[in-house]
Amino acid sequence: MKIDKNKVVSVTYRLEANPAGAEKKHIETAGADRPLTFLFGSGGLIPAFEENLAGLVVGNNFAFSIDAANAYGELEPEALVDIPMDVFKVDGVIDMSMLVVGNVIPMSDRDGNRLDGRVSGISGDSVKMDFNHPLAGHQLHFSGEVIEVREASEEELAHGHAHTPGMHGH
């Protein structure tokens, strides 16, 4: 059975990424014990990832790269924001152990939407937060194997995602 819209697909893969001109860095691996299982065409994954898997069958190996623009986008300068140090007060005290370059801090915008920001610098009375996706500006390199392709159940189609063993109803 070929990978196509509304099929449940399981793949193993290795992901490496690099910003332009930099060396590739290992990001994650999904092995046979915990493969990536998804409903193909449901919009839950990077479209270019699915495009590269379309038409493959169980046992096919794959290796492809996705440029930054078609993955998580280029780095957006406006996503780098200086936030007053006072915003980080909890009960009137700033926990400086939280404000370490590289730390990811859950925050929310004016509308209450959750945003994860990465501390990229601290200067005086402000903290520079980076709200870009961690892989923005990176080319992604996938290699792996298709290990399962099956028809989606009516429930999976209704829910818009694959159900895997151990998933509880919702």
C-alpha atoms as a PDB file:
ATOM      1  CA  MET A   1       0.000   0.000   0.000  1.00  0.00           C
ATOM      2  CA  LYS A   2       1.376   3.399  -1.005  1.00  0.00           C
ATOM      3  CA  ILE A   3       1.550   6.420   1.265  1.00  0.00           C
ATOM      4  CA  ASP A   4      -1.348   8.655   0.294  1.00  0.00           C
ATOM      5  CA  LYS A   5      -3.949  10.964   1.861  1.00  0.00           C
ATOM      6  CA  ASN A   6      -5.842   9.468   4.829  1.00  0.00           C
ATOM      7  CA  LYS A   7      -3.389   6.591   5.321  1.00  0.00           C
ATOM      8  CA  VAL A   8      -1.789   6.037   8.722  1.00  0.00           C
ATOM      9  CA  VAL A   9       1.969   5.991   8.252  1.00  0.00           C
ATOM     10  CA  SER A  10       4.767   4.929  10.607  1.00  0.00           C
ATOM     11  CA  VAL A  11       8.376   5.828   9.865  1.00  0.00           C
ATOM     12  CA  THR A  12      11.686   5.601  11.622  1.00  0.00           C
ATOM     13  CA  TYR A  13      13.999   8.533  10.993  1.00  0.00           C
ATOM     14  CA  ARG A  14      17.063  10.489  11.956  1.00  0.00           C
ATOM     15  CA  LEU A  15      16.846  14.277  11.804  1.00  0.00           C
ATOM     16  CA  GLU A  16      19.861  16.512  11.422  1.00  0.00           C
ATOM     17  CA  ALA A  17      19.719  20.277  10.943  1.00  0.00           C
ATOM     18  CA  ASN A  18      22.033  23.128  10.135  1.00  0.00           C
ATOM     19  CA  PRO A  19      21.779  26.874   9.615  1.00  0.00           C
ATOM     20  CA  ALA A  20      23.182  28.050   6.274  1.00  0.00           C
ATOM     21  CA  GLY A  21      26.895  27.348   6.029  1.00  0.00           C
ATOM     22  CA  ALA A  22      27.129  25.508   9.353  1.00  0.00           C
ATOM     23  CA  GLU A  23      27.811  21.861  10.103  1.00  0.00           C
ATOM     24  CA  LYS A  24      24.887  19.445  10.514  1.00  0.00           C
ATOM     25  CA  LYS A  25      23.839  18.667  14.081  1.00  0.00           C
ATOM     26  CA  HIS A  26      21.831  15.611  15.199  1.00  0.00           C
ATOM     27  CA  ILE A  27      18.424  16.751  16.489  1.00  0.00           C
ATOM     28  CA  GLU A  28      16.428  13.573  17.122  1.00  0.00           C
ATOM     29  CA  THR A  29      15.905   9.962  16.178  1.00  0.00           C
ATOM     30  CA  ALA A  30      12.665   7.978  16.005  1.00  0.00           C
ATOM     31  CA  GLY A  31      13.552   4.286  16.148  1.00  0.00           C
ATOM     32  CA  ALA A  32      11.443   1.199  15.494  1.00  0.00           C
ATOM     33  CA  ASP A  33      10.511   1.074  19.193  1.00  0.00           C
ATOM     34  CA  ARG A  34       8.968   4.591  18.997  1.00  0.00           C
ATOM     35  CA  PRO A  35       8.358   5.466  15.348  1.00  0.00           C
ATOM     36  CA  LEU A  36       6.656   8.613  14.127  1.00  0.00           C
ATOM     37  CA  THR A  37       3.062   7.572  13.380  1.00  0.00           C
ATOM     38  CA  PHE A  38       0.763  10.080  11.705  1.00  0.00           C
ATOM     39  CA  LEU A  39      -2.315  10.519   9.545  1.00  0.00           C
ATOM     40  CA  PHE A  40      -0.945  11.450   6.134  1.00  0.00           C
ATOM     41  CA  GLY A  41      -2.431  14.649   4.713  1.00  0.00           C
ATOM     42  CA  SER A  42      -4.014  15.837   7.969  1.00  0.00           C
ATOM     43  CA  GLY A  43      -1.849  18.972   8.142  1.00  0.00           C
ATOM     44  CA  GLY A  44       0.001  17.989  11.308  1.00  0.00           C
ATOM     45  CA  LEU A  45       3.464  17.866   9.752  1.00  0.00           C
ATOM     46  CA  ILE A  46       5.631  20.088   7.586  1.00  0.00           C
ATOM     47  CA  PRO A  47       4.055  19.808   4.102  1.00  0.00           C
ATOM     48  CA  ALA A  48       7.456  19.231   2.449  1.00  0.00           C
ATOM     49  CA  PHE A  49       8.064  16.270   4.798  1.00  0.00           C
ATOM     50  CA  GLU A  50       4.857  14.599   3.608  1.00  0.00           C
ATOM     51  CA  GLU A  51       5.554  15.491  -0.041  1.00  0.00           C
ATOM     52  CA  ASN A  52       8.851  13.592   0.171  1.00  0.00           C
ATOM     53  CA  LEU A  53       7.118  10.487   1.569  1.00  0.00           C
ATOM     54  CA  ALA A  54       4.141  10.424  -0.828  1.00  0.00           C
ATOM     55  CA  GLY A  55       3.975   7.218  -2.858  1.00  0.00           C
ATOM     56  CA  LEU A  56       6.491   5.266  -0.773  1.00  0.00           C
ATOM     57  CA  VAL A  57       5.659   1.774   0.533  1.00  0.00           C
ATOM     58  CA  VAL A  58       6.680  -0.305   3.549  1.00  0.00           C
ATOM     59  CA  GLY A  59      10.380  -1.120   3.377  1.00  0.00           C
ATOM     60  CA  ASN A  60      11.315   1.949   1.324  1.00  0.00           C
ATOM     61  CA  ASN A  61      14.218   3.958   2.673  1.00  0.00           C
ATOM     62  CA  PHE A  62      14.257   7.723   2.292  1.00  0.00           C
ATOM     63  CA  ALA A  63      16.751  10.550   2.575  1.00  0.00           C
ATOM     64  CA  PHE A  64      15.867  14.142   1.765  1.00  0.00           C
ATOM     65  CA  SER A  65      16.519  17.705   2.835  1.00  0.00           C
ATOM     66  CA  ILE A  66      14.050  20.547   3.363  1.00  0.00           C
ATOM     67  CA  ASP A  67      15.279  24.129   3.125  1.00  0.00           C
ATOM     68  CA  ALA A  68      14.500  26.541   5.952  1.00  0.00           C
ATOM     69  CA  ALA A  69      11.803  28.399   4.020  1.00  0.00           C
ATOM     70  CA  ASN A  70       9.844  25.153   3.554  1.00  0.00           C
ATOM     71  CA  ALA A  71      10.491  23.862   7.074  1.00  0.00           C
ATOM     72  CA  TYR A  72      10.099  26.229  10.045  1.00  0.00           C
ATOM     73  CA  GLY A  73      10.820  29.400   8.098  1.00  0.00           C
ATOM     74  CA  GLU A  74      13.698  31.825   8.128  1.00  0.00           C
ATOM     75  CA  LEU A  75      14.713  33.612  11.313  1.00  0.00           C
ATOM     76  CA  GLU A  76      12.365  36.551  11.817  1.00  0.00           C
ATOM     77  CA  PRO A  77      14.125  39.579  13.364  1.00  0.00           C
ATOM     78  CA  GLU A  78      10.796  40.832  14.790  1.00  0.00           C
ATOM     79  CA  ALA A  79      10.578  37.619  16.857  1.00  0.00           C
ATOM     80  CA  LEU A  80      13.557  38.884  18.902  1.00  0.00           C
ATOM     81  CA  VAL A  81      12.001  41.026  21.607  1.00  0.00           C
ATOM     82  CA  ASP A  82      13.430  43.009  24.529  1.00  0.00           C
ATOM     83  CA  ILE A  83      11.189  42.442  27.547  1.00  0.00           C
ATOM     84  CA  PRO A  84      11.472  44.492  30.753  1.00  0.00           C
ATOM     85  CA  MET A  85      12.993  42.511  33.617  1.00  0.00           C
ATOM     86  CA  ASP A  86       9.915  43.337  35.762  1.00  0.00           C
ATOM     87  CA  VAL A  87       7.795  40.999  33.603  1.00  0.00           C
ATOM     88  CA  PHE A  88       9.700  38.062  35.127  1.00  0.00           C
ATOM     89  CA  LYS A  89       8.797  38.904  38.731  1.00  0.00           C
ATOM     90  CA  VAL A  90       6.944  36.253  40.702  1.00  0.00           C
ATOM     91  CA  ASP A  91       5.652  37.463  44.064  1.00  0.00           C
ATOM     92  CA  GLY A  92       7.800  40.576  43.644  1.00  0.00           C
ATOM     93  CA  VAL A  93      11.039  38.643  43.088  1.00  0.00           C
ATOM     94  CA  ILE A  94      12.929  37.860  39.883  1.00  0.00           C
ATOM     95  CA  ASP A  95      14.227  34.279  39.785  1.00  0.00           C
ATOM     96  CA  MET A  96      17.575  34.863  38.080  1.00  0.00           C
ATOM     97  CA  SER A  97      18.191  31.097  37.832  1.00  0.00           C
ATOM     98  CA  MET A  98      15.388  31.066  35.251  1.00  0.00           C
ATOM     99  CA  LEU A  99      16.965  33.864  33.192  1.00  0.00           C
ATOM    100  CA  VAL A 100      19.863  31.928  31.697  1.00  0.00           C
ATOM    101  CA  VAL A 101      20.785  32.248  28.022  1.00  0.00           C
ATOM    102  CA  GLY A 102      19.311  29.248  26.215  1.00  0.00           C
ATOM    103  CA  ASN A 103      16.517  28.581  28.721  1.00  0.00           C
ATOM    104  CA  VAL A 104      13.026  28.264  27.253  1.00  0.00           C
ATOM    105  CA  ILE A 105      10.380  30.124  29.240  1.00  0.00           C
ATOM    106  CA  PRO A 106       6.639  29.706  28.675  1.00  0.00           C
ATOM    107  CA  MET A 107       5.005  33.091  28.261  1.00  0.00           C
ATOM    108  CA  SER A 108       1.723  34.433  26.918  1.00  0.00           C
ATOM    109  CA  ASP A 109       0.784  37.279  24.625  1.00  0.00           C
ATOM    110  CA  ARG A 110      -1.832  39.975  25.287  1.00  0.00           C
ATOM    111  CA  ASP A 111      -4.578  37.589  24.122  1.00  0.00           C
ATOM    112  CA  GLY A 112      -3.483  34.814  26.490  1.00  0.00           C
ATOM    113  CA  ASN A 113      -1.945  32.623  23.768  1.00  0.00           C
ATOM    114  CA  ARG A 114       0.995  30.566  25.026  1.00  0.00           C
ATOM    115  CA  LEU A 115       4.375  31.299  23.454  1.00  0.00           C
ATOM    116  CA  ASP A 116       7.673  29.632  24.232  1.00  0.00           C
ATOM    117  CA  GLY A 117      10.520  32.116  24.265  1.00  0.00           C
ATOM    118  CA  ARG A 118      14.220  31.335  24.490  1.00  0.00           C
ATOM    119  CA  VAL A 119      16.404  33.668  26.546  1.00  0.00           C
ATOM    120  CA  SER A 120      18.999  34.998  24.101  1.00  0.00           C
ATOM    121  CA  GLY A 121      20.535  37.740  26.222  1.00  0.00           C
ATOM    122  CA  ILE A 122      20.271  39.821  29.385  1.00  0.00           C
ATOM    123  CA  SER A 123      21.296  43.453  29.603  1.00  0.00           C
ATOM    124  CA  GLY A 124      20.594  45.802  32.475  1.00  0.00           C
ATOM    125  CA  ASP A 125      16.865  45.921  33.051  1.00  0.00           C
ATOM    126  CA  SER A 126      15.724  43.861  30.047  1.00  0.00           C
ATOM    127  CA  VAL A 127      15.789  40.305  28.749  1.00  0.00           C
ATOM    128  CA  LYS A 128      16.101  39.573  25.018  1.00  0.00           C
ATOM    129  CA  MET A 129      13.691  36.757  24.166  1.00  0.00           C
ATOM    130  CA  ASP A 130      13.689  34.822  20.902  1.00  0.00           C
ATOM    131  CA  PHE A 131      10.229  33.619  19.844  1.00  0.00           C
ATOM    132  CA  ASN A 132      11.420  32.022  16.593  1.00  0.00           C
ATOM    133  CA  HIS A 133      10.909  28.255  16.319  1.00  0.00           C
ATOM    134  CA  PRO A 134      14.139  26.577  17.539  1.00  0.00           C
ATOM    135  CA  LEU A 135      14.729  25.224  14.017  1.00  0.00           C
ATOM    136  CA  ALA A 136      13.864  28.439  12.155  1.00  0.00           C
ATOM    137  CA  GLY A 137      16.635  29.283   9.728  1.00  0.00           C
ATOM    138  CA  HIS A 138      17.782  25.646   9.600  1.00  0.00           C
ATOM    139  CA  GLN A 139      17.848  23.231   6.702  1.00  0.00           C
ATOM    140  CA  LEU A 140      16.436  19.856   7.841  1.00  0.00           C
ATOM    141  CA  HIS A 141      17.930  16.522   6.753  1.00  0.00           C
ATOM    142  CA  PHE A 142      15.820  13.379   7.208  1.00  0.00           C
ATOM    143  CA  SER A 143      16.812   9.769   6.600  1.00  0.00           C
ATOM    144  CA  GLY A 144      14.790   6.735   7.560  1.00  0.00           C
ATOM    145  CA  GLU A 145      12.470   3.920   6.570  1.00  0.00           C
ATOM    146  CA  VAL A 146       8.743   3.425   6.079  1.00  0.00           C
ATOM    147  CA  ILE A 147       7.709   0.642   8.481  1.00  0.00           C
ATOM    148  CA  GLU A 148       3.901   0.697   8.223  1.00  0.00           C
ATOM    149  CA  VAL A 149       1.172   2.045   5.942  1.00  0.00           C
ATOM    150  CA  ARG A 150      -2.476   1.243   6.651  1.00  0.00           C
ATOM    151  CA  GLU A 151      -5.966   2.561   6.074  1.00  0.00           C
ATOM    152  CA  ALA A 152      -7.100   5.064   8.705  1.00  0.00           C
ATOM    153  CA  SER A 153     -10.094   4.095  10.824  1.00  0.00           C
ATOM    154  CA  GLU A 154     -13.266   6.193  10.775  1.00  0.00           C
ATOM    155  CA  GLU A 155     -12.367   7.383  14.282  1.00  0.00           C
ATOM    156  CA  GLU A 156      -8.880   8.478  13.190  1.00  0.00           C
ATOM    157  CA  LEU A 157     -10.332  10.347  10.218  1.00  0.00           C
ATOM    158  CA  ALA A 158     -12.919  12.030  12.476  1.00  0.00           C
ATOM    159  CA  HIS A 159     -10.254  13.035  15.013  1.00  0.00           C
ATOM    160  CA  GLY A 160      -7.761  14.121  12.348  1.00  0.00           C
ATOM    161  CA  HIS A 161      -4.846  12.103  13.721  1.00  0.00           C
ATOM    162  CA  ALA A 162      -3.542   8.545  14.014  1.00  0.00           C
ATOM    163  CA  HIS A 163      -4.269   6.452  17.081  1.00  0.00           C
ATOM    164  CA  THR A 164      -1.417   4.323  18.329  1.00  0.00           C
ATOM    165  CA  PRO A 165      -1.376   1.533  20.926  1.00  0.00           C
ATOM    166  CA  GLY A 166      -1.732   2.977  24.399  1.00  0.00           C
ATOM    167  CA  MET A 167      -3.649   6.070  23.263  1.00  0.00           C
ATOM    168  CA  HIS A 168      -6.732   6.686  25.311  1.00  0.00           C
ATOM    169  CA  GLY A 169     -10.011   7.815  23.827  1.00  0.00           C
ATOM    170  CA  HIS A 170     -10.861  11.495  23.840  1.00  0.00           C
END
